[in-house]
């Protein structure tokens, strides 16, 4: 569930989301989130080593501008 506590912080309060959290929060498949963040001009992904974190606010702004993904 989107609003469940993860290490004491609700997903809705996080600035960065994992692929799984972003997938659930935005109701988009994990493969599609991974595909979007693979793009060279993607500004809403942050890599921590091999771990991919999604900048929630920037991804939300990106999705609001899109007609389809």
PDB file of N, CA and C in Angstrom:
ATOM      1  N   UNK A   1       0.841  -1.187   0.000  1.00  0.00           N
ATOM      2  CA  UNK A   1       0.000   0.000   0.000  1.00  0.00           C
ATOM      3  C   UNK A   1       0.884   1.247   0.000  1.00  0.00           C
ATOM      4  N   UNK A   2       0.466   2.256  -0.678  1.00  0.00           N
ATOM      5  CA  UNK A   2       1.257   3.466  -0.871  1.00  0.00           C
ATOM      6  C   UNK A   2       1.587   4.160   0.441  1.00  0.00           C
ATOM      7  N   UNK A   3       0.654   4.271   1.352  1.00  0.00           N
ATOM      8  CA  UNK A   3       0.857   5.066   2.562  1.00  0.00           C
ATOM      9  C   UNK A   3       1.420   4.287   3.734  1.00  0.00           C
ATOM     10  N   UNK A   4       1.843   3.038   3.507  1.00  0.00           N
ATOM     11  CA  UNK A   4       2.383   2.298   4.634  1.00  0.00           C
ATOM     12  C   UNK A   4       3.743   2.856   5.020  1.00  0.00           C
ATOM     13  N   UNK A   5       4.078   2.732   6.286  1.00  0.00           N
ATOM     14  CA  UNK A   5       5.353   3.241   6.781  1.00  0.00           C
ATOM     15  C   UNK A   5       6.492   2.362   6.297  1.00  0.00           C
ATOM     16  N   UNK A   6       7.512   2.969   5.773  1.00  0.00           N
ATOM     17  CA  UNK A   6       8.720   2.274   5.373  1.00  0.00           C
ATOM     18  C   UNK A   6       9.855   2.941   6.130  1.00  0.00           C
ATOM     19  N   UNK A   7      10.399   2.226   7.096  1.00  0.00           N
ATOM     20  CA  UNK A   7      11.443   2.759   7.971  1.00  0.00           C
ATOM     21  C   UNK A   7      10.993   4.054   8.631  1.00  0.00           C
ATOM     22  N   UNK A   8       9.726   4.135   8.994  1.00  0.00           N
ATOM     23  CA  UNK A   8       9.211   5.273   9.730  1.00  0.00           C
ATOM     24  C   UNK A   8       8.789   6.459   8.893  1.00  0.00           C
ATOM     25  N   UNK A   9       8.987   6.413   7.577  1.00  0.00           N
ATOM     26  CA  UNK A   9       8.623   7.538   6.714  1.00  0.00           C
ATOM     27  C   UNK A   9       7.591   7.064   5.701  1.00  0.00           C
ATOM     28  N   UNK A  10       6.494   7.785   5.629  1.00  0.00           N
ATOM     29  CA  UNK A  10       5.458   7.439   4.655  1.00  0.00           C
ATOM     30  C   UNK A  10       5.946   7.762   3.249  1.00  0.00           C
ATOM     31  N   UNK A  11       5.560   6.936   2.298  1.00  0.00           N
ATOM     32  CA  UNK A  11       5.972   7.137   0.906  1.00  0.00           C
ATOM     33  C   UNK A  11       5.533   8.507   0.416  1.00  0.00           C
ATOM     34  N   UNK A  12       4.370   8.952   0.822  1.00  0.00           N
ATOM     35  CA  UNK A  12       3.867  10.254   0.377  1.00  0.00           C
ATOM     36  C   UNK A  12       4.719  11.416   0.893  1.00  0.00           C
ATOM     37  N   UNK A  13       5.545  11.174   1.914  1.00  0.00           N
ATOM     38  CA  UNK A  13       6.395  12.215   2.490  1.00  0.00           C
ATOM     39  C   UNK A  13       7.836  12.160   1.989  1.00  0.00           C
ATOM     40  N   UNK A  14       8.168  11.138   1.218  1.00  0.00           N
ATOM     41  CA  UNK A  14       9.540  10.967   0.741  1.00  0.00           C
ATOM     42  C   UNK A  14       9.822  11.843  -0.467  1.00  0.00           C
ATOM     43  N   UNK A  15      11.054  12.308  -0.572  1.00  0.00           N
ATOM     44  CA  UNK A  15      11.495  13.066  -1.749  1.00  0.00           C
ATOM     45  C   UNK A  15      12.014  12.125  -2.830  1.00  0.00           C
ATOM     46  N   UNK A  16      12.579  10.992  -2.422  1.00  0.00           N
ATOM     47  CA  UNK A  16      13.125  10.005  -3.348  1.00  0.00           C
ATOM     48  C   UNK A  16      12.419   8.678  -3.138  1.00  0.00           C
ATOM     49  N   UNK A  17      12.122   7.994  -4.239  1.00  0.00           N
ATOM     50  CA  UNK A  17      11.417   6.717  -4.187  1.00  0.00           C
ATOM     51  C   UNK A  17      12.241   5.638  -4.873  1.00  0.00           C
ATOM     52  N   UNK A  18      12.110   4.412  -4.399  1.00  0.00           N
ATOM     53  CA  UNK A  18      12.701   3.284  -5.110  1.00  0.00           C
ATOM     54  C   UNK A  18      11.847   3.001  -6.344  1.00  0.00           C
ATOM     55  N   UNK A  19      12.332   2.133  -7.221  1.00  0.00           N
ATOM     56  CA  UNK A  19      11.541   1.759  -8.400  1.00  0.00           C
ATOM     57  C   UNK A  19      10.183   1.196  -7.990  1.00  0.00           C
ATOM     58  N   UNK A  20      10.189   0.330  -6.989  1.00  0.00           N
ATOM     59  CA  UNK A  20       8.937  -0.284  -6.535  1.00  0.00           C
ATOM     60  C   UNK A  20       7.983   0.769  -5.977  1.00  0.00           C
ATOM     61  N   UNK A  21       8.491   1.658  -5.140  1.00  0.00           N
ATOM     62  CA  UNK A  21       7.649   2.708  -4.560  1.00  0.00           C
ATOM     63  C   UNK A  21       7.097   3.628  -5.641  1.00  0.00           C
ATOM     64  N   UNK A  22       7.946   4.026  -6.596  1.00  0.00           N
ATOM     65  CA  UNK A  22       7.499   4.902  -7.687  1.00  0.00           C
ATOM     66  C   UNK A  22       6.437   4.207  -8.527  1.00  0.00           C
ATOM     67  N   UNK A  23       6.635   2.934  -8.780  1.00  0.00           N
ATOM     68  CA  UNK A  23       5.674   2.160  -9.556  1.00  0.00           C
ATOM     69  C   UNK A  23       4.307   2.145  -8.878  1.00  0.00           C
ATOM     70  N   UNK A  24       4.295   1.914  -7.590  1.00  0.00           N
ATOM     71  CA  UNK A  24       3.038   1.888  -6.841  1.00  0.00           C
ATOM     72  C   UNK A  24       2.441   3.291  -6.702  1.00  0.00           C
ATOM     73  N   UNK A  25       3.267   4.269  -6.425  1.00  0.00           N
ATOM     74  CA  UNK A  25       2.799   5.637  -6.196  1.00  0.00           C
ATOM     75  C   UNK A  25       2.173   6.235  -7.454  1.00  0.00           C
ATOM     76  N   UNK A  26       2.826   6.021  -8.616  1.00  0.00           N
ATOM     77  CA  UNK A  26       2.351   6.601  -9.870  1.00  0.00           C
ATOM     78  C   UNK A  26       1.477   5.639 -10.678  1.00  0.00           C
ATOM     79  N   UNK A  27       1.291   4.420 -10.176  1.00  0.00           N
ATOM     80  CA  UNK A  27       0.474   3.406 -10.849  1.00  0.00           C
ATOM     81  C   UNK A  27       1.010   3.107 -12.254  1.00  0.00           C
ATOM     82  N   UNK A  28       2.316   2.920 -12.326  1.00  0.00           N
ATOM     83  CA  UNK A  28       3.020   2.590 -13.566  1.00  0.00           C
ATOM     84  C   UNK A  28       3.863   1.350 -13.277  1.00  0.00           C
ATOM     85  N   UNK A  29       3.973   0.466 -14.233  1.00  0.00           N
ATOM     86  CA  UNK A  29       4.775  -0.739 -14.051  1.00  0.00           C
ATOM     87  C   UNK A  29       6.244  -0.432 -13.797  1.00  0.00           C
ATOM     88  N   UNK A  30       6.899  -1.302 -13.042  1.00  0.00           N
ATOM     89  CA  UNK A  30       8.317  -1.107 -12.731  1.00  0.00           C
ATOM     90  C   UNK A  30       9.174  -1.090 -13.991  1.00  0.00           C
ATOM     91  N   UNK A  31       8.833  -1.926 -14.969  1.00  0.00           N
ATOM     92  CA  UNK A  31       9.596  -1.941 -16.218  1.00  0.00           C
ATOM     93  C   UNK A  31       9.485  -0.605 -16.945  1.00  0.00           C
ATOM     94  N   UNK A  32       8.321   0.015 -16.918  1.00  0.00           N
ATOM     95  CA  UNK A  32       8.130   1.317 -17.576  1.00  0.00           C
ATOM     96  C   UNK A  32       8.912   2.401 -16.833  1.00  0.00           C
ATOM     97  N   UNK A  33       8.903   2.366 -15.503  1.00  0.00           N
ATOM     98  CA  UNK A  33       9.681   3.342 -14.725  1.00  0.00           C
ATOM     99  C   UNK A  33      11.164   3.176 -15.048  1.00  0.00           C
ATOM    100  N   UNK A  34      11.635   1.927 -15.108  1.00  0.00           N
ATOM    101  CA  UNK A  34      13.033   1.660 -15.441  1.00  0.00           C
ATOM    102  C   UNK A  34      13.347   2.177 -16.849  1.00  0.00           C
ATOM    103  N   UNK A  35      12.439   1.943 -17.796  1.00  0.00           N
ATOM    104  CA  UNK A  35      12.630   2.408 -19.172  1.00  0.00           C
ATOM    105  C   UNK A  35      12.721   3.938 -19.222  1.00  0.00           C
ATOM    106  N   UNK A  36      11.834   4.618 -18.520  1.00  0.00           N
ATOM    107  CA  UNK A  36      11.852   6.084 -18.501  1.00  0.00           C
ATOM    108  C   UNK A  36      13.152   6.622 -17.914  1.00  0.00           C
ATOM    109  N   UNK A  37      13.653   5.963 -16.872  1.00  0.00           N
ATOM    110  CA  UNK A  37      14.863   6.443 -16.208  1.00  0.00           C
ATOM    111  C   UNK A  37      16.136   6.037 -16.942  1.00  0.00           C
ATOM    112  N   UNK A  38      16.027   5.175 -17.943  1.00  0.00           N
ATOM    113  CA  UNK A  38      17.179   4.807 -18.769  1.00  0.00           C
ATOM    114  C   UNK A  38      17.506   5.874 -19.809  1.00  0.00           C
ATOM    115  N   UNK A  39      16.569   6.771 -20.071  1.00  0.00           N
ATOM    116  CA  UNK A  39      16.779   7.812 -21.080  1.00  0.00           C
ATOM    117  C   UNK A  39      17.913   8.749 -20.647  1.00  0.00           C
ATOM    118  N   UNK A  40      18.739   9.160 -21.607  1.00  0.00           N
ATOM    119  CA  UNK A  40      19.883  10.032 -21.309  1.00  0.00           C
ATOM    120  C   UNK A  40      19.468  11.383 -20.731  1.00  0.00           C
ATOM    121  N   UNK A  41      18.327  11.897 -21.160  1.00  0.00           N
ATOM    122  CA  UNK A  41      17.891  13.228 -20.711  1.00  0.00           C
ATOM    123  C   UNK A  41      16.947  13.178 -19.503  1.00  0.00           C
ATOM    124  N   UNK A  42      16.871  12.037 -18.848  1.00  0.00           N
ATOM    125  CA  UNK A  42      15.988  11.892 -17.681  1.00  0.00           C
ATOM    126  C   UNK A  42      16.551  12.699 -16.511  1.00  0.00           C
ATOM    127  N   UNK A  43      15.762  13.656 -16.024  1.00  0.00           N
ATOM    128  CA  UNK A  43      16.228  14.503 -14.917  1.00  0.00           C
ATOM    129  C   UNK A  43      15.634  14.098 -13.571  1.00  0.00           C
ATOM    130  N   UNK A  44      14.844  13.025 -13.541  1.00  0.00           N
ATOM    131  CA  UNK A  44      14.224  12.639 -12.273  1.00  0.00           C
ATOM    132  C   UNK A  44      14.776  11.331 -11.713  1.00  0.00           C
ATOM    133  N   UNK A  45      15.974  10.950 -12.131  1.00  0.00           N
ATOM    134  CA  UNK A  45      16.603   9.752 -11.586  1.00  0.00           C
ATOM    135  C   UNK A  45      17.915  10.140 -10.908  1.00  0.00           C
ATOM    136  N   UNK A  46      18.203   9.468  -9.802  1.00  0.00           N
ATOM    137  CA  UNK A  46      19.448   9.649  -9.065  1.00  0.00           C
ATOM    138  C   UNK A  46      20.020   8.261  -8.829  1.00  0.00           C
ATOM    139  N   UNK A  47      21.238   8.039  -9.284  1.00  0.00           N
ATOM    140  CA  UNK A  47      21.878   6.747  -9.069  1.00  0.00           C
ATOM    141  C   UNK A  47      22.753   6.816  -7.821  1.00  0.00           C
ATOM    142  N   UNK A  48      22.546   5.857  -6.935  1.00  0.00           N
ATOM    143  CA  UNK A  48      23.384   5.686  -5.750  1.00  0.00           C
ATOM    144  C   UNK A  48      24.096   4.354  -5.960  1.00  0.00           C
ATOM    145  N   UNK A  49      25.248   4.400  -6.620  1.00  0.00           N
ATOM    146  CA  UNK A  49      25.884   3.166  -7.071  1.00  0.00           C
ATOM    147  C   UNK A  49      25.028   2.591  -8.186  1.00  0.00           C
ATOM    148  N   UNK A  50      24.575   1.364  -8.004  1.00  0.00           N
ATOM    149  CA  UNK A  50      23.690   0.762  -9.004  1.00  0.00           C
ATOM    150  C   UNK A  50      22.214   0.924  -8.629  1.00  0.00           C
ATOM    151  N   UNK A  51      21.957   1.473  -7.447  1.00  0.00           N
ATOM    152  CA  UNK A  51      20.576   1.674  -7.002  1.00  0.00           C
ATOM    153  C   UNK A  51      20.002   2.926  -7.653  1.00  0.00           C
ATOM    154  N   UNK A  52      18.801   2.790  -8.180  1.00  0.00           N
ATOM    155  CA  UNK A  52      18.112   3.861  -8.888  1.00  0.00           C
ATOM    156  C   UNK A  52      17.072   4.467  -7.955  1.00  0.00           C
ATOM    157  N   UNK A  53      17.169   5.768  -7.713  1.00  0.00           N
ATOM    158  CA  UNK A  53      16.170   6.464  -6.912  1.00  0.00           C
ATOM    159  C   UNK A  53      15.453   7.477  -7.790  1.00  0.00           C
ATOM    160  N   UNK A  54      14.166   7.606  -7.570  1.00  0.00           N
ATOM    161  CA  UNK A  54      13.328   8.489  -8.369  1.00  0.00           C
ATOM    162  C   UNK A  54      13.056   9.758  -7.579  1.00  0.00           C
ATOM    163  N   UNK A  55      13.317  10.908  -8.190  1.00  0.00           N
ATOM    164  CA  UNK A  55      12.993  12.198  -7.585  1.00  0.00           C
ATOM    165  C   UNK A  55      11.499  12.412  -7.803  1.00  0.00           C
ATOM    166  N   UNK A  56      10.741  12.207  -6.738  1.00  0.00           N
ATOM    167  CA  UNK A  56       9.280  12.146  -6.838  1.00  0.00           C
ATOM    168  C   UNK A  56       8.675  13.394  -7.468  1.00  0.00           C
ATOM    169  N   UNK A  57       9.060  14.557  -7.006  1.00  0.00           N
ATOM    170  CA  UNK A  57       8.460  15.800  -7.501  1.00  0.00           C
ATOM    171  C   UNK A  57       8.745  15.998  -8.989  1.00  0.00           C
ATOM    172  N   UNK A  58       9.990  15.752  -9.411  1.00  0.00           N
ATOM    173  CA  UNK A  58      10.347  15.929 -10.818  1.00  0.00           C
ATOM    174  C   UNK A  58       9.653  14.907 -11.712  1.00  0.00           C
ATOM    175  N   UNK A  59       9.504  13.673 -11.227  1.00  0.00           N
ATOM    176  CA  UNK A  59       8.803  12.672 -12.035  1.00  0.00           C
ATOM    177  C   UNK A  59       7.333  13.040 -12.163  1.00  0.00           C
ATOM    178  N   UNK A  60       6.749  13.543 -11.093  1.00  0.00           N
ATOM    179  CA  UNK A  60       5.353  13.972 -11.139  1.00  0.00           C
ATOM    180  C   UNK A  60       5.175  15.098 -12.161  1.00  0.00           C
ATOM    181  N   UNK A  61       6.091  16.062 -12.157  1.00  0.00           N
ATOM    182  CA  UNK A  61       6.030  17.156 -13.133  1.00  0.00           C
ATOM    183  C   UNK A  61       6.179  16.621 -14.554  1.00  0.00           C
ATOM    184  N   UNK A  62       7.090  15.680 -14.741  1.00  0.00           N
ATOM    185  CA  UNK A  62       7.294  15.067 -16.057  1.00  0.00           C
ATOM    186  C   UNK A  62       6.012  14.382 -16.531  1.00  0.00           C
ATOM    187  N   UNK A  63       5.414  13.583 -15.669  1.00  0.00           N
ATOM    188  CA  UNK A  63       4.203  12.841 -16.047  1.00  0.00           C
ATOM    189  C   UNK A  63       3.041  13.780 -16.351  1.00  0.00           C
ATOM    190  N   UNK A  64       2.950  14.884 -15.634  1.00  0.00           N
ATOM    191  CA  UNK A  64       1.874  15.851 -15.880  1.00  0.00           C
ATOM    192  C   UNK A  64       1.981  16.503 -17.253  1.00  0.00           C
ATOM    193  N   UNK A  65       3.181  16.555 -17.814  1.00  0.00           N
ATOM    194  CA  UNK A  65       3.381  17.156 -19.136  1.00  0.00           C
ATOM    195  C   UNK A  65       3.167  16.162 -20.281  1.00  0.00           C
ATOM    196  N   UNK A  66       3.049  14.875 -19.967  1.00  0.00           N
ATOM    197  CA  UNK A  66       2.986  13.847 -21.003  1.00  0.00           C
ATOM    198  C   UNK A  66       1.554  13.546 -21.427  1.00  0.00           C
ATOM    199  N   UNK A  67       1.408  13.231 -22.715  1.00  0.00           N
ATOM    200  CA  UNK A  67       0.129  12.767 -23.246  1.00  0.00           C
ATOM    201  C   UNK A  67       0.030  11.255 -23.081  1.00  0.00           C
ATOM    202  N   UNK A  68       1.128  10.562 -23.323  1.00  0.00           N
ATOM    203  CA  UNK A  68       1.201   9.112 -23.123  1.00  0.00           C
ATOM    204  C   UNK A  68       2.646   8.747 -22.805  1.00  0.00           C
ATOM    205  N   UNK A  69       2.814   7.572 -22.201  1.00  0.00           N
ATOM    206  CA  UNK A  69       4.172   7.108 -21.898  1.00  0.00           C
ATOM    207  C   UNK A  69       4.343   5.686 -22.390  1.00  0.00           C
TER     208      UNK A  69
END
